[in-house]
Amino acid sequence: MKKVFLYFNFLLLFGQYDYNLVDLNNTSDFFEQSVGTSFFENNVTVHYFGHFN
């Protein structure tokens, strides 16, 4: 139970940090722009860091 408590505290403390990455999706409206959490203020966003070859 202590591990679960520590895990959730870790998520609350570090899960909301601000970052920016360049959008590499050539079908995106924001292609080659630096976007991140502060770019979409007051909106719910989902972040997926996938990999493909």
PDB file of N, CA and C in Angstrom:
ATOM      1  N   MET A   1       0.821  -1.188   0.000  1.00  0.00           N
ATOM      2  CA  MET A   1       0.000   0.000   0.000  1.00  0.00           C
ATOM      3  C   MET A   1       0.871   1.261   0.000  1.00  0.00           C
ATOM      4  N   LYS A   2       1.970   1.198   0.683  1.00  0.00           N
ATOM      5  CA  LYS A   2       2.871   2.348   0.726  1.00  0.00           C
ATOM      6  C   LYS A   2       3.439   2.647  -0.658  1.00  0.00           C
ATOM      7  N   LYS A   3       3.729   1.611  -1.445  1.00  0.00           N
ATOM      8  CA  LYS A   3       4.253   1.811  -2.797  1.00  0.00           C
ATOM      9  C   LYS A   3       3.222   2.495  -3.686  1.00  0.00           C
ATOM     10  N   VAL A   4       1.962   2.122  -3.543  1.00  0.00           N
ATOM     11  CA  VAL A   4       0.894   2.734  -4.334  1.00  0.00           C
ATOM     12  C   VAL A   4       0.768   4.216  -3.982  1.00  0.00           C
ATOM     13  N   PHE A   5       0.819   4.531  -2.696  1.00  0.00           N
ATOM     14  CA  PHE A   5       0.751   5.922  -2.254  1.00  0.00           C
ATOM     15  C   PHE A   5       1.910   6.737  -2.828  1.00  0.00           C
ATOM     16  N   LEU A   6       3.109   6.208  -2.781  1.00  0.00           N
ATOM     17  CA  LEU A   6       4.276   6.899  -3.324  1.00  0.00           C
ATOM     18  C   LEU A   6       4.173   7.072  -4.832  1.00  0.00           C
ATOM     19  N   TYR A   7       3.651   6.057  -5.523  1.00  0.00           N
ATOM     20  CA  TYR A   7       3.483   6.120  -6.972  1.00  0.00           C
ATOM     21  C   TYR A   7       2.534   7.250  -7.362  1.00  0.00           C
ATOM     22  N   PHE A   8       1.390   7.344  -6.701  1.00  0.00           N
ATOM     23  CA  PHE A   8       0.425   8.388  -7.032  1.00  0.00           C
ATOM     24  C   PHE A   8       0.944   9.774  -6.678  1.00  0.00           C
ATOM     25  N   ASN A   9       1.689   9.892  -5.605  1.00  0.00           N
ATOM     26  CA  ASN A   9       2.305  11.180  -5.280  1.00  0.00           C
ATOM     27  C   ASN A   9       3.314  11.583  -6.346  1.00  0.00           C
ATOM     28  N   PHE A  10       4.082  10.627  -6.834  1.00  0.00           N
ATOM     29  CA  PHE A  10       5.031  10.892  -7.910  1.00  0.00           C
ATOM     30  C   PHE A  10       4.305  11.392  -9.150  1.00  0.00           C
ATOM     31  N   LEU A  11       3.193  10.762  -9.503  1.00  0.00           N
ATOM     32  CA  LEU A  11       2.419  11.186 -10.676  1.00  0.00           C
ATOM     33  C   LEU A  11       1.880  12.600 -10.512  1.00  0.00           C
ATOM     34  N   LEU A  12       1.396  12.915  -9.342  1.00  0.00           N
ATOM     35  CA  LEU A  12       0.854  14.256  -9.117  1.00  0.00           C
ATOM     36  C   LEU A  12       1.937  15.324  -9.164  1.00  0.00           C
ATOM     37  N   LEU A  13       3.116  15.003  -8.656  1.00  0.00           N
ATOM     38  CA  LEU A  13       4.190  15.992  -8.618  1.00  0.00           C
ATOM     39  C   LEU A  13       4.844  16.217  -9.975  1.00  0.00           C
ATOM     40  N   PHE A  14       5.038  15.150 -10.745  1.00  0.00           N
ATOM     41  CA  PHE A  14       5.823  15.253 -11.971  1.00  0.00           C
ATOM     42  C   PHE A  14       5.019  15.026 -13.249  1.00  0.00           C
ATOM     43  N   GLY A  15       3.744  14.749 -13.144  1.00  0.00           N
ATOM     44  CA  GLY A  15       2.929  14.463 -14.312  1.00  0.00           C
ATOM     45  C   GLY A  15       2.434  15.671 -15.063  1.00  0.00           C
ATOM     46  N   GLN A  16       2.628  16.861 -14.520  1.00  0.00           N
ATOM     47  CA  GLN A  16       2.081  18.066 -15.125  1.00  0.00           C
ATOM     48  C   GLN A  16       3.146  19.037 -15.615  1.00  0.00           C
ATOM     49  N   TYR A  17       4.346  18.570 -15.828  1.00  0.00           N
ATOM     50  CA  TYR A  17       5.410  19.483 -16.244  1.00  0.00           C
ATOM     51  C   TYR A  17       5.188  19.971 -17.676  1.00  0.00           C
ATOM     52  N   ASP A  18       5.757  21.113 -17.987  1.00  0.00           N
ATOM     53  CA  ASP A  18       5.612  21.719 -19.311  1.00  0.00           C
ATOM     54  C   ASP A  18       6.802  21.328 -20.193  1.00  0.00           C
ATOM     55  N   TYR A  19       6.542  21.000 -21.407  1.00  0.00           N
ATOM     56  CA  TYR A  19       7.596  20.660 -22.363  1.00  0.00           C
ATOM     57  C   TYR A  19       7.148  21.054 -23.760  1.00  0.00           C
ATOM     58  N   ASN A  20       8.081  21.135 -24.678  1.00  0.00           N
ATOM     59  CA  ASN A  20       7.800  21.437 -26.084  1.00  0.00           C
ATOM     60  C   ASN A  20       8.558  20.461 -26.962  1.00  0.00           C
ATOM     61  N   LEU A  21       7.911  19.998 -27.996  1.00  0.00           N
ATOM     62  CA  LEU A  21       8.516  19.128 -28.995  1.00  0.00           C
ATOM     63  C   LEU A  21       8.079  19.601 -30.373  1.00  0.00           C
ATOM     64  N   VAL A  22       8.877  19.315 -31.368  1.00  0.00           N
ATOM     65  CA  VAL A  22       8.528  19.672 -32.745  1.00  0.00           C
ATOM     66  C   VAL A  22       7.568  18.625 -33.281  1.00  0.00           C
ATOM     67  N   ASP A  23       6.464  19.074 -33.862  1.00  0.00           N
ATOM     68  CA  ASP A  23       5.467  18.181 -34.457  1.00  0.00           C
ATOM     69  C   ASP A  23       6.012  17.651 -35.780  1.00  0.00           C
ATOM     70  N   LEU A  24       6.234  16.345 -35.860  1.00  0.00           N
ATOM     71  CA  LEU A  24       6.799  15.729 -37.061  1.00  0.00           C
ATOM     72  C   LEU A  24       5.754  15.033 -37.926  1.00  0.00           C
ATOM     73  N   ASN A  25       4.490  15.161 -37.558  1.00  0.00           N
ATOM     74  CA  ASN A  25       3.404  14.552 -38.315  1.00  0.00           C
ATOM     75  C   ASN A  25       3.067  15.463 -39.498  1.00  0.00           C
ATOM     76  N   ASN A  26       3.387  15.015 -40.713  1.00  0.00           N
ATOM     77  CA  ASN A  26       3.194  15.877 -41.882  1.00  0.00           C
ATOM     78  C   ASN A  26       1.726  16.087 -42.254  1.00  0.00           C
ATOM     79  N   THR A  27       0.805  15.385 -41.622  1.00  0.00           N
ATOM     80  CA  THR A  27      -0.620  15.618 -41.862  1.00  0.00           C
ATOM     81  C   THR A  27      -1.240  16.514 -40.787  1.00  0.00           C
ATOM     82  N   SER A  28      -0.449  16.954 -39.830  1.00  0.00           N
ATOM     83  CA  SER A  28      -0.932  17.773 -38.728  1.00  0.00           C
ATOM     84  C   SER A  28      -1.011  19.242 -39.130  1.00  0.00           C
ATOM     85  N   ASP A  29      -1.949  19.954 -38.522  1.00  0.00           N
ATOM     86  CA  ASP A  29      -2.057  21.401 -38.746  1.00  0.00           C
ATOM     87  C   ASP A  29      -0.867  22.145 -38.150  1.00  0.00           C
ATOM     88  N   PHE A  30      -0.159  21.525 -37.230  1.00  0.00           N
ATOM     89  CA  PHE A  30       0.960  22.162 -36.534  1.00  0.00           C
ATOM     90  C   PHE A  30       2.305  21.584 -36.954  1.00  0.00           C
ATOM     91  N   PHE A  31       2.375  21.022 -38.151  1.00  0.00           N
ATOM     92  CA  PHE A  31       3.589  20.382 -38.660  1.00  0.00           C
ATOM     93  C   PHE A  31       4.781  21.334 -38.599  1.00  0.00           C
ATOM     94  N   GLU A  32       5.889  20.842 -38.067  1.00  0.00           N
ATOM     95  CA  GLU A  32       7.160  21.552 -37.907  1.00  0.00           C
ATOM     96  C   GLU A  32       7.075  22.751 -36.959  1.00  0.00           C
ATOM     97  N   GLN A  33       6.037  22.801 -36.133  1.00  0.00           N
ATOM     98  CA  GLN A  33       5.943  23.831 -35.104  1.00  0.00           C
ATOM     99  C   GLN A  33       6.292  23.210 -33.757  1.00  0.00           C
ATOM    100  N   SER A  34       6.794  24.020 -32.864  1.00  0.00           N
ATOM    101  CA  SER A  34       7.088  23.561 -31.515  1.00  0.00           C
ATOM    102  C   SER A  34       5.799  23.616 -30.704  1.00  0.00           C
ATOM    103  N   VAL A  35       5.294  22.465 -30.300  1.00  0.00           N
ATOM    104  CA  VAL A  35       4.052  22.387 -29.533  1.00  0.00           C
ATOM    105  C   VAL A  35       4.315  21.633 -28.237  1.00  0.00           C
ATOM    106  N   GLY A  36       3.468  21.861 -27.276  1.00  0.00           N
ATOM    107  CA  GLY A  36       3.588  21.196 -25.982  1.00  0.00           C
ATOM    108  C   GLY A  36       2.366  21.480 -25.143  1.00  0.00           C
ATOM    109  N   THR A  37       2.504  21.237 -23.849  1.00  0.00           N
ATOM    110  CA  THR A  37       1.356  21.383 -22.963  1.00  0.00           C
ATOM    111  C   THR A  37       0.863  22.826 -22.879  1.00  0.00           C
ATOM    112  N   SER A  38       1.754  23.795 -22.899  1.00  0.00           N
ATOM    113  CA  SER A  38       1.322  25.192 -22.798  1.00  0.00           C
ATOM    114  C   SER A  38       0.763  25.721 -24.116  1.00  0.00           C
ATOM    115  N   PHE A  39       1.028  25.033 -25.219  1.00  0.00           N
ATOM    116  CA  PHE A  39       0.522  25.444 -26.527  1.00  0.00           C
ATOM    117  C   PHE A  39      -0.997  25.288 -26.594  1.00  0.00           C
ATOM    118  N   PHE A  40      -1.531  24.291 -25.896  1.00  0.00           N
ATOM    119  CA  PHE A  40      -2.970  24.000 -25.906  1.00  0.00           C
ATOM    120  C   PHE A  40      -3.581  24.296 -24.539  1.00  0.00           C
ATOM    121  N   GLU A  41      -3.393  25.513 -24.027  1.00  0.00           N
ATOM    122  CA  GLU A  41      -3.923  25.866 -22.714  1.00  0.00           C
ATOM    123  C   GLU A  41      -5.445  25.775 -22.705  1.00  0.00           C
ATOM    124  N   ASN A  42      -5.976  25.381 -21.562  1.00  0.00           N
ATOM    125  CA  ASN A  42      -7.418  25.240 -21.322  1.00  0.00           C
ATOM    126  C   ASN A  42      -8.066  24.194 -22.222  1.00  0.00           C
ATOM    127  N   ASN A  43      -7.297  23.220 -22.681  1.00  0.00           N
ATOM    128  CA  ASN A  43      -7.810  22.102 -23.458  1.00  0.00           C
ATOM    129  C   ASN A  43      -7.300  20.806 -22.864  1.00  0.00           C
ATOM    130  N   VAL A  44      -8.081  19.755 -22.999  1.00  0.00           N
ATOM    131  CA  VAL A  44      -7.640  18.424 -22.589  1.00  0.00           C
ATOM    132  C   VAL A  44      -6.825  17.850 -23.733  1.00  0.00           C
ATOM    133  N   THR A  45      -5.624  17.378 -23.444  1.00  0.00           N
ATOM    134  CA  THR A  45      -4.764  16.813 -24.482  1.00  0.00           C
ATOM    135  C   THR A  45      -4.352  15.399 -24.112  1.00  0.00           C
ATOM    136  N   VAL A  46      -4.111  14.590 -25.128  1.00  0.00           N
ATOM    137  CA  VAL A  46      -3.607  13.229 -24.950  1.00  0.00           C
ATOM    138  C   VAL A  46      -2.265  13.167 -25.649  1.00  0.00           C
ATOM    139  N   HIS A  47      -1.268  12.647 -24.982  1.00  0.00           N
ATOM    140  CA  HIS A  47       0.084  12.602 -25.532  1.00  0.00           C
ATOM    141  C   HIS A  47       0.476  11.146 -25.754  1.00  0.00           C
ATOM    142  N   TYR A  48       0.893  10.849 -26.959  1.00  0.00           N
ATOM    143  CA  TYR A  48       1.329   9.505 -27.311  1.00  0.00           C
ATOM    144  C   TYR A  48       2.723   9.600 -27.916  1.00  0.00           C
ATOM    145  N   PHE A  49       3.652   8.929 -27.284  1.00  0.00           N
ATOM    146  CA  PHE A  49       5.019   8.909 -27.779  1.00  0.00           C
ATOM    147  C   PHE A  49       5.274   7.532 -28.372  1.00  0.00           C
ATOM    148  N   GLY A  50       4.921   7.371 -29.629  1.00  0.00           N
ATOM    149  CA  GLY A  50       5.068   6.092 -30.306  1.00  0.00           C
ATOM    150  C   GLY A  50       6.360   6.015 -31.091  1.00  0.00           C
ATOM    151  N   HIS A  51       6.602   4.840 -31.607  1.00  0.00           N
ATOM    152  CA  HIS A  51       7.800   4.613 -32.413  1.00  0.00           C
ATOM    153  C   HIS A  51       7.418   3.691 -33.555  1.00  0.00           C
ATOM    154  N   PHE A  52       7.920   3.983 -34.725  1.00  0.00           N
ATOM    155  CA  PHE A  52       7.712   3.107 -35.862  1.00  0.00           C
ATOM    156  C   PHE A  52       8.958   3.111 -36.720  1.00  0.00           C
ATOM    157  N   ASN A  53       9.123   2.094 -37.522  1.00  0.00           N
ATOM    158  CA  ASN A  53      10.272   1.986 -38.426  1.00  0.00           C
ATOM    159  C   ASN A  53       9.841   2.141 -39.863  1.00  0.00           C
TER     160      ASN A  53
END
